[in-house]
Amino acid sequence: MRLTKFGHACVRIERDDTVVVIDPGAFTEPEAVLGADAVLITHEHFDHFTEAQLRAAVEANPGLRIWANRAVAAQLDGIGARVAVVGEGDAFDIDGLPVTVHGEWHAVIHPDIPRVKNIGFLLDGALFHPGDALTLPPHSVETLLLPIGAPWTKVSELIDYVREFKPVRAVSVHEAVLSEIGQTVHGRQLGPEGPGTGAEFVRLAAGESLDLG
């Protein structure tokens, strides 16, 4: 399995001949979805999903399939069978790559801001993208995509989340709202210079890839 980081919360996963893209939003380069077999969307916020970009991707690639929650699917009316609605506890297969769905709600930004639905995707039992929530799937995984910068995040909670989750590695995502200095500061706290999480902390530049084995 090979992971390539794209803008903000988006990653591209390749295993054998299967290509899956998760959360290509407004801060994501359009080429992230080129040649993809599937797109997975965790929730409806613009930094994870833009209707126009996804409709353009579907038009350009007749074989592209999409899995998302009901709120996202409702905005893709007209695409029809290309979009599958999934939620907590569901499981499906993308050309031999097993995926399970975990979580239900976006993290609380502020009590006065309505929460939206949010789902996380566990690929091949080994890589987990939680979207915008600190969701714990049924077991620890090798690779956790860790949202390090958002209106709802707090470094102490991220440290405790990784400690509880116990992944082999935590790869930072959701960092577009942080300056370069901010990303460095967060990385130090989540890496070996911090109090310790029990996992390797990995920061990838846009377009940089990581072989997961």
C-alpha atoms as a PDB file:
ATOM      1  CA  MET A   1       0.000   0.000   0.000  1.00  0.00           C
ATOM      2  CA  ARG A   2       1.304   3.439  -0.983  1.00  0.00           C
ATOM      3  CA  LEU A   3       0.085   6.740   0.471  1.00  0.00           C
ATOM      4  CA  THR A   4       0.504  10.091  -1.281  1.00  0.00           C
ATOM      5  CA  LYS A   5      -0.299  13.331   0.537  1.00  0.00           C
ATOM      6  CA  PHE A   6      -2.289  16.004  -1.254  1.00  0.00           C
ATOM      7  CA  GLY A   7      -3.605  19.351  -0.030  1.00  0.00           C
ATOM      8  CA  HIS A   8      -4.955  19.568   3.507  1.00  0.00           C
ATOM      9  CA  ALA A   9      -6.975  16.476   4.475  1.00  0.00           C
ATOM     10  CA  CYS A  10      -6.645  14.627   1.160  1.00  0.00           C
ATOM     11  CA  VAL A  11      -4.637  11.475   0.598  1.00  0.00           C
ATOM     12  CA  ARG A  12      -4.357   9.099  -2.340  1.00  0.00           C
ATOM     13  CA  ILE A  13      -4.024   5.396  -1.534  1.00  0.00           C
ATOM     14  CA  GLU A  14      -2.700   2.886  -4.066  1.00  0.00           C
ATOM     15  CA  ARG A  15      -2.719  -0.869  -3.575  1.00  0.00           C
ATOM     16  CA  ASP A  16      -1.882  -3.044  -6.560  1.00  0.00           C
ATOM     17  CA  ASP A  17      -3.994  -1.535  -9.356  1.00  0.00           C
ATOM     18  CA  THR A  18      -6.592   0.090  -7.077  1.00  0.00           C
ATOM     19  CA  VAL A  19      -6.512   3.847  -6.424  1.00  0.00           C
ATOM     20  CA  VAL A  20      -8.627   5.438  -3.692  1.00  0.00           C
ATOM     21  CA  VAL A  21      -8.723   9.156  -2.860  1.00  0.00           C
ATOM     22  CA  ILE A  22     -10.054  10.411   0.474  1.00  0.00           C
ATOM     23  CA  ASP A  23     -11.427  13.931   1.048  1.00  0.00           C
ATOM     24  CA  PRO A  24     -10.402  15.993  -1.986  1.00  0.00           C
ATOM     25  CA  GLY A  25     -11.663  19.403  -0.883  1.00  0.00           C
ATOM     26  CA  ALA A  26     -11.166  23.067  -1.718  1.00  0.00           C
ATOM     27  CA  PHE A  27      -7.498  23.029  -0.661  1.00  0.00           C
ATOM     28  CA  THR A  28      -6.712  19.937  -2.744  1.00  0.00           C
ATOM     29  CA  GLU A  29      -4.989  19.872  -6.119  1.00  0.00           C
ATOM     30  CA  PRO A  30      -7.418  18.688  -8.881  1.00  0.00           C
ATOM     31  CA  GLU A  31      -4.914  16.081 -10.087  1.00  0.00           C
ATOM     32  CA  ALA A  32      -5.389  14.176  -6.830  1.00  0.00           C
ATOM     33  CA  VAL A  33      -8.401  12.347  -8.314  1.00  0.00           C
ATOM     34  CA  LEU A  34      -6.953  11.666 -11.783  1.00  0.00           C
ATOM     35  CA  GLY A  35      -7.211   7.971 -12.589  1.00  0.00           C
ATOM     36  CA  ALA A  36      -8.828   7.126  -9.252  1.00  0.00           C
ATOM     37  CA  ASP A  37     -11.177   4.157  -8.941  1.00  0.00           C
ATOM     38  CA  ALA A  38     -12.980   5.579  -5.916  1.00  0.00           C
ATOM     39  CA  VAL A  39     -13.392   8.687  -3.808  1.00  0.00           C
ATOM     40  CA  LEU A  40     -14.329   8.522  -0.130  1.00  0.00           C
ATOM     41  CA  ILE A  41     -15.775  11.607   1.588  1.00  0.00           C
ATOM     42  CA  THR A  42     -15.881  11.858   5.371  1.00  0.00           C
ATOM     43  CA  HIS A  43     -18.216  14.869   5.605  1.00  0.00           C
ATOM     44  CA  GLU A  44     -19.665  17.888   3.830  1.00  0.00           C
ATOM     45  CA  HIS A  45     -17.351  20.721   4.901  1.00  0.00           C
ATOM     46  CA  PHE A  46     -15.729  22.501   1.939  1.00  0.00           C
ATOM     47  CA  ASP A  47     -12.167  21.614   2.936  1.00  0.00           C
ATOM     48  CA  HIS A  48     -13.077  17.927   2.515  1.00  0.00           C
ATOM     49  CA  PHE A  49     -15.666  18.037  -0.273  1.00  0.00           C
ATOM     50  CA  THR A  50     -16.597  20.428  -3.066  1.00  0.00           C
ATOM     51  CA  GLU A  51     -19.527  19.516  -5.261  1.00  0.00           C
ATOM     52  CA  ALA A  52     -18.185  21.139  -8.426  1.00  0.00           C
ATOM     53  CA  GLN A  53     -14.798  19.436  -8.199  1.00  0.00           C
ATOM     54  CA  LEU A  54     -16.315  16.013  -7.608  1.00  0.00           C
ATOM     55  CA  ARG A  55     -18.870  16.391 -10.406  1.00  0.00           C
ATOM     56  CA  ALA A  56     -16.030  17.349 -12.761  1.00  0.00           C
ATOM     57  CA  ALA A  57     -14.076  14.276 -11.678  1.00  0.00           C
ATOM     58  CA  VAL A  58     -17.079  12.029 -12.352  1.00  0.00           C
ATOM     59  CA  GLU A  59     -17.575  13.565 -15.786  1.00  0.00           C
ATOM     60  CA  ALA A  60     -13.910  13.043 -16.640  1.00  0.00           C
ATOM     61  CA  ASN A  61     -13.831   9.473 -15.337  1.00  0.00           C
ATOM     62  CA  PRO A  62     -16.937   7.370 -16.108  1.00  0.00           C
ATOM     63  CA  GLY A  63     -15.682   4.567 -13.862  1.00  0.00           C
ATOM     64  CA  LEU A  64     -15.234   6.674 -10.743  1.00  0.00           C
ATOM     65  CA  ARG A  65     -17.290   5.591  -7.724  1.00  0.00           C
ATOM     66  CA  ILE A  66     -18.025   7.584  -4.575  1.00  0.00           C
ATOM     67  CA  TRP A  67     -18.802   6.516  -1.012  1.00  0.00           C
ATOM     68  CA  ALA A  68     -20.062   9.168   1.408  1.00  0.00           C
ATOM     69  CA  ASN A  69     -22.633   9.917   4.080  1.00  0.00           C
ATOM     70  CA  ARG A  70     -26.185  10.944   3.237  1.00  0.00           C
ATOM     71  CA  ALA A  71     -25.566  14.703   3.514  1.00  0.00           C
ATOM     72  CA  VAL A  72     -22.793  14.580   0.924  1.00  0.00           C
ATOM     73  CA  ALA A  73     -24.710  12.232  -1.368  1.00  0.00           C
ATOM     74  CA  ALA A  74     -27.681  14.623  -1.349  1.00  0.00           C
ATOM     75  CA  GLN A  75     -25.475  17.302  -2.920  1.00  0.00           C
ATOM     76  CA  LEU A  76     -24.509  14.936  -5.744  1.00  0.00           C
ATOM     77  CA  ASP A  77     -28.032  14.401  -6.980  1.00  0.00           C
ATOM     78  CA  GLY A  78     -28.093  13.213 -10.584  1.00  0.00           C
ATOM     79  CA  ILE A  79     -24.969  11.083 -10.427  1.00  0.00           C
ATOM     80  CA  GLY A  80     -27.157   8.182  -9.325  1.00  0.00           C
ATOM     81  CA  ALA A  81     -25.632   4.762  -8.845  1.00  0.00           C
ATOM     82  CA  ARG A  82     -22.119   6.194  -8.871  1.00  0.00           C
ATOM     83  CA  VAL A  83     -22.674   7.363  -5.265  1.00  0.00           C
ATOM     84  CA  ALA A  84     -23.153   4.941  -2.366  1.00  0.00           C
ATOM     85  CA  VAL A  85     -24.446   6.146   1.017  1.00  0.00           C
ATOM     86  CA  VAL A  86     -22.644   4.600   3.991  1.00  0.00           C
ATOM     87  CA  GLY A  87     -22.565   5.076   7.739  1.00  0.00           C
ATOM     88  CA  GLU A  88     -21.285   3.676  11.027  1.00  0.00           C
ATOM     89  CA  GLY A  89     -20.818  -0.102  10.888  1.00  0.00           C
ATOM     90  CA  ASP A  90     -21.036  -0.460   7.105  1.00  0.00           C
ATOM     91  CA  ALA A  91     -18.489  -2.409   5.081  1.00  0.00           C
ATOM     92  CA  PHE A  92     -17.774  -2.510   1.367  1.00  0.00           C
ATOM     93  CA  ASP A  93     -15.126  -3.541  -1.129  1.00  0.00           C
ATOM     94  CA  ILE A  94     -13.261  -1.503  -3.742  1.00  0.00           C
ATOM     95  CA  ASP A  95     -11.806  -3.919  -6.280  1.00  0.00           C
ATOM     96  CA  GLY A  96     -10.602  -6.249  -3.538  1.00  0.00           C
ATOM     97  CA  LEU A  97      -9.695  -3.521  -1.038  1.00  0.00           C
ATOM     98  CA  PRO A  98     -11.906  -3.903   2.061  1.00  0.00           C
ATOM     99  CA  VAL A  99     -13.233  -0.745   3.715  1.00  0.00           C
ATOM    100  CA  THR A 100     -15.199  -0.338   6.934  1.00  0.00           C
ATOM    101  CA  VAL A 101     -16.958   2.786   8.207  1.00  0.00           C
ATOM    102  CA  HIS A 102     -16.657   4.168  11.735  1.00  0.00           C
ATOM    103  CA  GLY A 103     -17.987   7.211  13.554  1.00  0.00           C
ATOM    104  CA  GLU A 104     -21.056   9.391  13.211  1.00  0.00           C
ATOM    105  CA  TRP A 105     -20.438  13.000  14.251  1.00  0.00           C
ATOM    106  CA  HIS A 106     -17.996  15.794  13.497  1.00  0.00           C
ATOM    107  CA  ALA A 107     -16.024  16.988  16.526  1.00  0.00           C
ATOM    108  CA  VAL A 108     -17.532  19.891  18.466  1.00  0.00           C
ATOM    109  CA  ILE A 109     -16.206  23.242  17.247  1.00  0.00           C
ATOM    110  CA  HIS A 110     -18.386  25.264  19.634  1.00  0.00           C
ATOM    111  CA  PRO A 111     -21.708  24.412  21.329  1.00  0.00           C
ATOM    112  CA  ASP A 112     -23.383  27.189  19.314  1.00  0.00           C
ATOM    113  CA  ILE A 113     -22.243  25.712  15.982  1.00  0.00           C
ATOM    114  CA  PRO A 114     -24.436  22.831  14.737  1.00  0.00           C
ATOM    115  CA  ARG A 115     -22.554  19.575  14.282  1.00  0.00           C
ATOM    116  CA  VAL A 116     -22.607  17.736  10.970  1.00  0.00           C
ATOM    117  CA  LYS A 117     -22.349  14.026  10.332  1.00  0.00           C
ATOM    118  CA  ASN A 118     -18.810  12.657   9.930  1.00  0.00           C
ATOM    119  CA  ILE A 119     -17.584   9.177   9.118  1.00  0.00           C
ATOM    120  CA  GLY A 120     -14.116   7.647   9.164  1.00  0.00           C
ATOM    121  CA  PHE A 121     -12.807   5.051   6.731  1.00  0.00           C
ATOM    122  CA  LEU A 122     -10.641   2.064   7.673  1.00  0.00           C
ATOM    123  CA  LEU A 123      -8.874   0.600   4.630  1.00  0.00           C
ATOM    124  CA  ASP A 124      -7.679  -3.004   4.623  1.00  0.00           C
ATOM    125  CA  GLY A 125      -7.794  -2.975   8.428  1.00  0.00           C
ATOM    126  CA  ALA A 126      -4.512  -1.047   8.334  1.00  0.00           C
ATOM    127  CA  LEU A 127      -5.074   2.644   7.537  1.00  0.00           C
ATOM    128  CA  PHE A 128      -7.652   4.933   9.140  1.00  0.00           C
ATOM    129  CA  HIS A 129      -8.830   8.386   8.087  1.00  0.00           C
ATOM    130  CA  PRO A 130     -11.121   9.753  10.835  1.00  0.00           C
ATOM    131  CA  GLY A 131     -12.236  12.899   9.000  1.00  0.00           C
ATOM    132  CA  ASP A 132     -12.889  15.664  11.522  1.00  0.00           C
ATOM    133  CA  ALA A 133     -13.276  13.606  14.680  1.00  0.00           C
ATOM    134  CA  LEU A 134     -11.134  11.614  17.072  1.00  0.00           C
ATOM    135  CA  THR A 135     -12.971   8.385  16.346  1.00  0.00           C
ATOM    136  CA  LEU A 136     -11.629   5.082  17.615  1.00  0.00           C
ATOM    137  CA  PRO A 137     -12.285   2.079  15.342  1.00  0.00           C
ATOM    138  CA  PRO A 138     -12.492  -1.425  16.837  1.00  0.00           C
ATOM    139  CA  HIS A 139      -8.739  -2.042  16.869  1.00  0.00           C
ATOM    140  CA  SER A 140      -5.443  -0.228  16.514  1.00  0.00           C
ATOM    141  CA  VAL A 141      -3.973   0.161  13.039  1.00  0.00           C
ATOM    142  CA  GLU A 142      -0.606   0.566  11.414  1.00  0.00           C
ATOM    143  CA  THR A 143      -1.308   4.019   9.993  1.00  0.00           C
ATOM    144  CA  LEU A 144      -3.491   6.765  11.458  1.00  0.00           C
ATOM    145  CA  LEU A 145      -4.133   9.934   9.455  1.00  0.00           C
ATOM    146  CA  LEU A 146      -4.084  12.518  12.221  1.00  0.00           C
ATOM    147  CA  PRO A 147      -5.857  15.899  11.787  1.00  0.00           C
ATOM    148  CA  ILE A 148      -3.408  18.248  13.491  1.00  0.00           C
ATOM    149  CA  GLY A 149      -4.878  21.693  12.777  1.00  0.00           C
ATOM    150  CA  ALA A 150      -8.544  22.698  12.969  1.00  0.00           C
ATOM    151  CA  PRO A 151     -10.853  24.964  14.996  1.00  0.00           C
ATOM    152  CA  TRP A 152     -11.722  21.973  17.163  1.00  0.00           C
ATOM    153  CA  THR A 153      -8.269  20.478  17.763  1.00  0.00           C
ATOM    154  CA  LYS A 154      -6.150  20.685  20.894  1.00  0.00           C
ATOM    155  CA  VAL A 155      -2.655  19.223  20.962  1.00  0.00           C
ATOM    156  CA  SER A 156      -3.138  17.529  24.336  1.00  0.00           C
ATOM    157  CA  GLU A 157      -6.216  15.728  22.985  1.00  0.00           C
ATOM    158  CA  LEU A 158      -4.326  14.648  19.855  1.00  0.00           C
ATOM    159  CA  ILE A 159      -1.545  13.192  22.004  1.00  0.00           C
ATOM    160  CA  ASP A 160      -4.038  11.260  24.125  1.00  0.00           C
ATOM    161  CA  TYR A 161      -5.900  10.099  21.002  1.00  0.00           C
ATOM    162  CA  VAL A 162      -2.749   8.615  19.479  1.00  0.00           C
ATOM    163  CA  ARG A 163      -1.815   7.035  22.812  1.00  0.00           C
ATOM    164  CA  GLU A 164      -5.238   5.387  23.065  1.00  0.00           C
ATOM    165  CA  PHE A 165      -5.359   4.363  19.417  1.00  0.00           C
ATOM    166  CA  LYS A 166      -1.810   2.877  19.453  1.00  0.00           C
ATOM    167  CA  PRO A 167      -1.000   3.062  15.726  1.00  0.00           C
ATOM    168  CA  VAL A 168       2.475   2.242  14.452  1.00  0.00           C
ATOM    169  CA  ARG A 169       2.633   5.662  12.815  1.00  0.00           C
ATOM    170  CA  ALA A 170       0.562   8.856  12.761  1.00  0.00           C
ATOM    171  CA  VAL A 171       0.691  10.806   9.497  1.00  0.00           C
ATOM    172  CA  SER A 172      -0.323  14.457   9.793  1.00  0.00           C
ATOM    173  CA  VAL A 173      -3.208  15.782   7.706  1.00  0.00           C
ATOM    174  CA  HIS A 174      -5.590  18.747   7.998  1.00  0.00           C
ATOM    175  CA  GLU A 175      -2.781  21.248   8.355  1.00  0.00           C
ATOM    176  CA  ALA A 176      -3.660  23.943   5.795  1.00  0.00           C
ATOM    177  CA  VAL A 177      -4.931  26.221   8.560  1.00  0.00           C
ATOM    178  CA  LEU A 178      -1.504  26.171  10.239  1.00  0.00           C
ATOM    179  CA  SER A 179       1.497  28.234   9.165  1.00  0.00           C
ATOM    180  CA  GLU A 180       4.806  26.500   8.551  1.00  0.00           C
ATOM    181  CA  ILE A 181       5.846  27.521  12.051  1.00  0.00           C
ATOM    182  CA  GLY A 182       2.586  26.162  13.483  1.00  0.00           C
ATOM    183  CA  GLN A 183       3.080  22.840  11.773  1.00  0.00           C
ATOM    184  CA  THR A 184       6.590  22.613  13.177  1.00  0.00           C
ATOM    185  CA  VAL A 185       5.378  23.384  16.701  1.00  0.00           C
ATOM    186  CA  HIS A 186       2.625  20.755  16.472  1.00  0.00           C
ATOM    187  CA  GLY A 187       5.070  18.256  15.013  1.00  0.00           C
ATOM    188  CA  ARG A 188       7.458  18.701  17.908  1.00  0.00           C
ATOM    189  CA  GLN A 189       4.704  18.058  20.448  1.00  0.00           C
ATOM    190  CA  LEU A 190       3.458  14.983  18.568  1.00  0.00           C
ATOM    191  CA  GLY A 191       6.926  13.684  17.749  1.00  0.00           C
ATOM    192  CA  PRO A 192       9.865  12.503  19.865  1.00  0.00           C
ATOM    193  CA  GLU A 193      10.470  15.975  21.330  1.00  0.00           C
ATOM    194  CA  GLY A 194       7.016  15.949  22.934  1.00  0.00           C
ATOM    195  CA  PRO A 195       5.670  13.966  25.878  1.00  0.00           C
ATOM    196  CA  GLY A 196       5.401  10.845  23.730  1.00  0.00           C
ATOM    197  CA  THR A 197       2.562   9.094  21.932  1.00  0.00           C
ATOM    198  CA  GLY A 198       4.023   5.638  21.374  1.00  0.00           C
ATOM    199  CA  ALA A 199       3.822   6.114  17.601  1.00  0.00           C
ATOM    200  CA  GLU A 200       6.105   7.448  14.909  1.00  0.00           C
ATOM    201  CA  PHE A 201       4.978  10.890  13.748  1.00  0.00           C
ATOM    202  CA  VAL A 202       5.261  11.464   9.994  1.00  0.00           C
ATOM    203  CA  ARG A 203       4.816  14.760   8.174  1.00  0.00           C
ATOM    204  CA  LEU A 204       4.582  14.633   4.379  1.00  0.00           C
ATOM    205  CA  ALA A 205       4.807  17.528   1.952  1.00  0.00           C
ATOM    206  CA  ALA A 206       2.165  17.868  -0.752  1.00  0.00           C
ATOM    207  CA  GLY A 207       2.859  15.268  -3.424  1.00  0.00           C
ATOM    208  CA  GLU A 208       5.190  13.260  -1.180  1.00  0.00           C
ATOM    209  CA  SER A 209       4.544   9.525  -0.874  1.00  0.00           C
ATOM    210  CA  LEU A 210       5.082   6.889   1.787  1.00  0.00           C
ATOM    211  CA  ASP A 211       5.247   3.137   1.218  1.00  0.00           C
ATOM    212  CA  LEU A 212       3.254   1.410   3.949  1.00  0.00           C
ATOM    213  CA  GLY A 213       4.207  -2.178   3.072  1.00  0.00           C
END
